Amino acid sequence: ISTVKGSTNGDEVRSLNMQVKIQEFDSSEAAILAVKQGQADAMIEDNNFLAYQASLDPELTGERRHAQRLLARYNASDPGDAAGRFALLRELLRAVGDGPDIQPYFYCDYGYNIRLGHRCFINYNCVFLDCAAIEIGDDLQMAPAVQLYTAAHPLDRAQRVAGWEFARPIRIGSGVWIGGGAIVLPGVTIGDGCVVGAGSVVAHDLPPLSLALGNPARIVRSLG
């Protein structure tokens, strides 16, 4: 993943209430530990998941509404106003590289969990549920209606009713092409140079230079 220029909104790393570490996913469990700002990346690297109650937390609700207002402005912006669009993306996202081309309508939950590399093209009607980190390298080609889901819900009904959700990060390398209508599920890493066929559901990691197709997506061959 390339290092890209950070957001200019004054919050290089924003506080995120949803970033809590849970030892056992149970709505009655008292062992939910708040993760400090600087600990979030380490937690993700350890393959722990984030547990949170998005619908019950007023701060998270406010942050989603803030993102929705920015998205409304971006999606209604003049397609010829490249500078204005870029400024909105820098305000919305945690980091964005040079030369982004994101077609409306684009949707996300929070924005500040998304890092985009340089020269990323994202076509119409893509959805990024960024309840955990979404990191994308350079030269992405993303077809219409692609969906990246970091968020999921517990299988246990009582935990769902209690409002619990959890999230795992998605990482996409450089030079990746994702076909129209593809879905990437929580916790997936897609390596550099991969191609994902239209309509595929990516549930497992893809090593670099893989061609993957189907539901669930299976590696058809290496592109190396």
Protein backbone atom coordinates (compact mmCIF):
# COMPACT_ATOMS: atom_id res chain seq x y z
CA ILE A 1 0.00 0.00 0.00
CA SER A 2 1.45 3.36 -0.98
CA THR A 3 1.97 6.16 1.46
CA VAL A 4 -0.35 8.97 0.46
CA LYS A 5 -0.92 12.51 1.58
CA GLY A 6 -3.14 12.80 4.65
CA SER A 7 -6.40 14.66 5.07
CA THR A 8 -6.21 18.40 5.62
CA ASN A 9 -9.18 18.60 7.96
CA GLY A 10 -6.89 18.99 10.99
CA ASP A 11 -7.57 15.47 12.25
CA GLU A 12 -4.85 13.25 10.80
CA VAL A 13 -6.01 10.48 13.10
CA ARG A 14 -9.50 10.93 14.45
CA SER A 15 -10.90 9.34 17.56
CA LEU A 16 -13.11 6.39 16.69
CA ASN A 17 -15.40 5.06 19.39
CA MET A 18 -16.07 1.86 17.48
CA GLN A 19 -12.45 0.78 17.92
CA VAL A 20 -12.85 -1.47 20.94
CA LYS A 21 -11.22 -4.80 21.53
CA ILE A 22 -13.40 -7.63 22.75
CA GLN A 23 -12.08 -10.86 24.24
CA GLU A 24 -15.31 -12.78 23.69
CA PHE A 25 -18.07 -11.55 21.42
CA ASP A 26 -21.02 -11.56 23.80
CA SER A 27 -23.36 -8.63 24.45
CA SER A 28 -23.38 -9.43 28.17
CA GLU A 29 -19.58 -9.67 28.40
CA ALA A 30 -17.96 -6.92 30.44
CA ALA A 31 -14.50 -7.45 28.92
CA ILE A 32 -14.76 -4.81 26.20
CA LEU A 33 -11.65 -2.66 26.33
CA ALA A 34 -11.46 0.78 24.73
CA VAL A 35 -8.64 0.98 22.23
CA LYS A 36 -6.67 4.23 22.31
CA GLN A 37 -6.10 6.08 19.10
CA GLY A 38 -2.54 4.88 18.63
CA GLN A 39 -3.38 1.26 19.36
CA ALA A 40 -5.89 0.71 16.57
CA ASP A 41 -3.39 -0.26 13.86
CA ALA A 42 -1.65 -2.74 16.15
CA MET A 43 -4.97 -4.34 16.99
CA ILE A 44 -5.79 -4.77 13.31
CA GLU A 45 -2.38 -6.29 12.63
CA ASP A 46 -3.07 -8.85 15.37
CA ASN A 47 -6.20 -9.88 13.43
CA ASN A 48 -8.53 -8.90 16.23
CA PHE A 49 -11.85 -7.46 15.19
CA LEU A 50 -13.58 -4.25 16.14
CA ALA A 51 -16.83 -4.54 18.10
CA TYR A 52 -19.26 -1.65 18.50
CA GLN A 53 -22.90 -0.58 18.78
CA ALA A 54 -23.16 1.94 15.95
CA SER A 55 -26.90 2.53 16.27
CA LEU A 56 -26.65 3.28 20.00
CA ASP A 57 -23.64 5.57 20.04
CA PRO A 58 -24.52 9.26 19.52
CA GLU A 59 -20.95 10.21 18.58
CA LEU A 60 -20.78 7.57 15.85
CA THR A 61 -24.22 8.63 14.64
CA GLY A 62 -22.99 12.21 14.41
CA GLU A 63 -19.88 11.14 12.50
CA ARG A 64 -21.96 9.18 9.99
CA ARG A 65 -24.18 12.21 9.46
CA HIS A 66 -21.10 14.38 8.93
CA ALA A 67 -19.89 11.96 6.27
CA GLN A 68 -23.34 11.92 4.65
CA ARG A 69 -23.31 15.70 4.35
CA LEU A 70 -19.90 15.65 2.67
CA LEU A 71 -21.03 12.85 0.37
CA ALA A 72 -24.15 14.79 -0.58
CA ARG A 73 -21.95 17.72 -1.58
CA TYR A 74 -19.52 15.52 -3.48
CA ASN A 75 -22.22 13.58 -5.33
CA ALA A 76 -23.93 16.83 -6.36
CA SER A 77 -20.70 18.58 -7.37
CA ASP A 78 -19.90 19.86 -10.84
CA PRO A 79 -17.97 17.14 -12.72
CA GLY A 80 -15.77 19.87 -14.17
CA ASP A 81 -14.72 21.15 -10.72
CA ALA A 82 -11.77 18.82 -10.17
CA ALA A 83 -10.23 21.04 -7.49
CA GLY A 84 -13.48 21.30 -5.54
CA ARG A 85 -14.05 17.56 -5.69
CA PHE A 86 -10.50 16.84 -4.57
CA ALA A 87 -10.91 19.20 -1.62
CA LEU A 88 -14.06 17.38 -0.54
CA LEU A 89 -12.32 14.02 -0.77
CA ARG A 90 -9.46 15.30 1.37
CA GLU A 91 -11.98 16.43 3.95
CA LEU A 92 -13.92 13.15 3.84
CA LEU A 93 -11.17 10.51 3.65
CA ARG A 94 -8.29 9.76 5.99
CA ALA A 95 -5.83 9.91 3.08
CA VAL A 96 -6.07 10.33 -0.68
CA GLY A 97 -3.34 10.29 -3.30
CA ASP A 98 -2.99 12.41 -6.42
CA GLY A 99 -5.36 12.14 -9.35
CA PRO A 100 -8.40 10.43 -7.82
CA ASP A 101 -11.41 9.91 -10.10
CA ILE A 102 -14.48 8.85 -8.11
CA GLN A 103 -17.73 8.93 -10.01
CA PRO A 104 -21.01 9.65 -8.21
CA TYR A 105 -22.81 8.27 -6.52
CA PHE A 106 -20.17 7.21 -3.99
CA TYR A 107 -21.16 6.10 -0.49
CA CYS A 108 -19.31 5.29 2.74
CA ASP A 109 -20.05 5.19 6.47
CA TYR A 110 -17.39 7.42 8.00
CA GLY A 111 -14.78 8.22 5.38
CA TYR A 112 -11.93 8.68 7.83
CA ASN A 113 -11.16 4.95 7.79
CA ILE A 114 -10.41 5.01 4.04
CA ARG A 115 -6.95 5.47 2.51
CA LEU A 116 -6.64 5.76 -1.27
CA GLY A 117 -3.39 5.64 -3.20
CA HIS A 118 -2.55 7.60 -6.35
CA ARG A 119 -4.59 7.56 -9.58
CA CYS A 120 -7.51 5.56 -8.21
CA PHE A 121 -10.54 5.26 -10.48
CA ILE A 122 -13.84 4.31 -8.83
CA ASN A 123 -16.84 4.09 -11.13
CA TYR A 124 -20.52 4.84 -10.44
CA ASN A 125 -22.47 3.65 -7.38
CA CYS A 126 -19.71 2.09 -5.30
CA VAL A 127 -20.20 1.50 -1.56
CA PHE A 128 -17.42 1.36 1.05
CA LEU A 129 -18.68 0.35 4.51
CA ASP A 130 -15.62 1.59 6.38
CA CYS A 131 -16.39 0.57 9.95
CA ALA A 132 -12.81 -0.70 9.99
CA ALA A 133 -9.89 0.40 7.82
CA ILE A 134 -10.09 0.22 4.03
CA GLU A 135 -6.64 0.66 2.50
CA ILE A 136 -6.19 0.81 -1.28
CA GLY A 137 -2.92 1.15 -3.21
CA ASP A 138 -2.12 2.99 -6.43
CA ASP A 139 -3.76 2.62 -9.85
CA LEU A 140 -7.00 1.00 -8.75
CA GLN A 141 -9.58 0.32 -11.45
CA MET A 142 -12.99 -0.28 -9.89
CA ALA A 143 -16.06 -0.88 -12.05
CA PRO A 144 -19.59 0.26 -11.14
CA ALA A 145 -21.51 -1.01 -8.12
CA VAL A 146 -18.56 -2.60 -6.32
CA GLN A 147 -19.14 -3.00 -2.58
CA LEU A 148 -16.48 -3.23 0.13
CA TYR A 149 -17.91 -4.47 3.43
CA THR A 150 -15.76 -4.28 6.57
CA ALA A 151 -18.90 -4.59 8.73
CA ALA A 152 -20.81 -7.71 9.75
CA HIS A 153 -23.20 -8.91 12.44
CA PRO A 154 -23.04 -11.78 14.94
CA LEU A 155 -24.93 -14.97 14.12
CA ASP A 156 -26.48 -14.96 17.59
CA ARG A 157 -29.90 -13.29 17.46
CA ALA A 158 -29.71 -11.79 20.97
CA GLN A 159 -26.42 -10.10 20.16
CA ARG A 160 -27.85 -8.64 16.93
CA VAL A 161 -30.93 -7.35 18.77
CA ALA A 162 -28.63 -5.76 21.36
CA GLY A 163 -27.10 -3.75 18.53
CA TRP A 164 -23.69 -5.40 18.35
CA GLU A 165 -21.76 -5.28 15.11
CA PHE A 166 -18.16 -6.10 14.31
CA ALA A 167 -15.72 -5.14 11.60
CA ARG A 168 -12.47 -6.33 10.03
CA PRO A 169 -10.20 -4.31 7.73
CA ILE A 170 -10.01 -4.68 3.94
CA ARG A 171 -6.72 -4.14 2.12
CA ILE A 172 -6.35 -3.85 -1.65
CA GLY A 173 -2.92 -3.60 -3.24
CA SER A 174 -1.72 -1.57 -6.21
CA GLY A 175 -2.70 -2.18 -9.82
CA VAL A 176 -5.89 -4.06 -8.95
CA TRP A 177 -8.93 -4.26 -11.24
CA ILE A 178 -12.28 -5.15 -9.64
CA GLY A 179 -15.16 -5.91 -12.02
CA GLY A 180 -18.69 -4.55 -11.80
CA GLY A 181 -20.93 -5.64 -8.96
CA ALA A 182 -18.18 -7.50 -7.09
CA ILE A 183 -18.39 -7.70 -3.29
CA VAL A 184 -15.40 -7.86 -0.94
CA LEU A 185 -16.18 -9.24 2.52
CA PRO A 186 -14.70 -8.28 5.92
CA GLY A 187 -11.06 -9.06 6.60
CA VAL A 188 -10.04 -9.71 2.99
CA THR A 189 -6.68 -8.72 1.52
CA ILE A 190 -6.34 -8.51 -2.27
CA GLY A 191 -2.74 -8.53 -3.45
CA ASP A 192 -1.03 -6.32 -6.03
CA GLY A 193 -2.05 -6.82 -9.63
CA CYS A 194 -5.12 -8.97 -8.96
CA VAL A 195 -8.17 -9.03 -11.23
CA VAL A 196 -11.58 -9.83 -9.72
CA GLY A 197 -14.32 -10.79 -12.16
CA ALA A 198 -17.68 -9.02 -12.35
CA GLY A 199 -20.21 -10.26 -9.82
CA SER A 200 -17.65 -12.13 -7.73
CA VAL A 201 -17.89 -12.38 -3.94
CA VAL A 202 -14.41 -12.27 -2.41
CA ALA A 203 -14.50 -14.04 0.95
CA HIS A 204 -10.82 -15.01 1.26
CA ASP A 205 -7.45 -13.38 0.66
CA LEU A 206 -6.09 -13.29 -2.89
CA PRO A 207 -2.32 -13.47 -3.39
CA PRO A 208 -0.71 -11.01 -5.82
CA LEU A 209 -1.33 -11.45 -9.54
CA SER A 210 -4.40 -13.67 -9.13
CA LEU A 211 -7.40 -13.83 -11.46
CA ALA A 212 -10.42 -14.68 -9.30
CA LEU A 213 -13.99 -15.33 -10.42
CA GLY A 214 -17.29 -16.52 -9.00
CA ASN A 215 -19.30 -16.76 -5.80
CA PRO A 216 -17.37 -17.44 -3.71
CA ALA A 217 -14.45 -16.10 -5.75
CA ARG A 218 -11.93 -18.77 -6.68
CA ILE A 219 -8.51 -18.28 -8.20
CA VAL A 220 -8.65 -19.32 -11.84
CA ARG A 221 -5.00 -18.73 -12.67
CA SER A 222 -1.98 -16.62 -11.91
CA LEU A 223 -1.36 -13.48 -13.95
CA GLY A 224 2.36 -13.54 -13.27
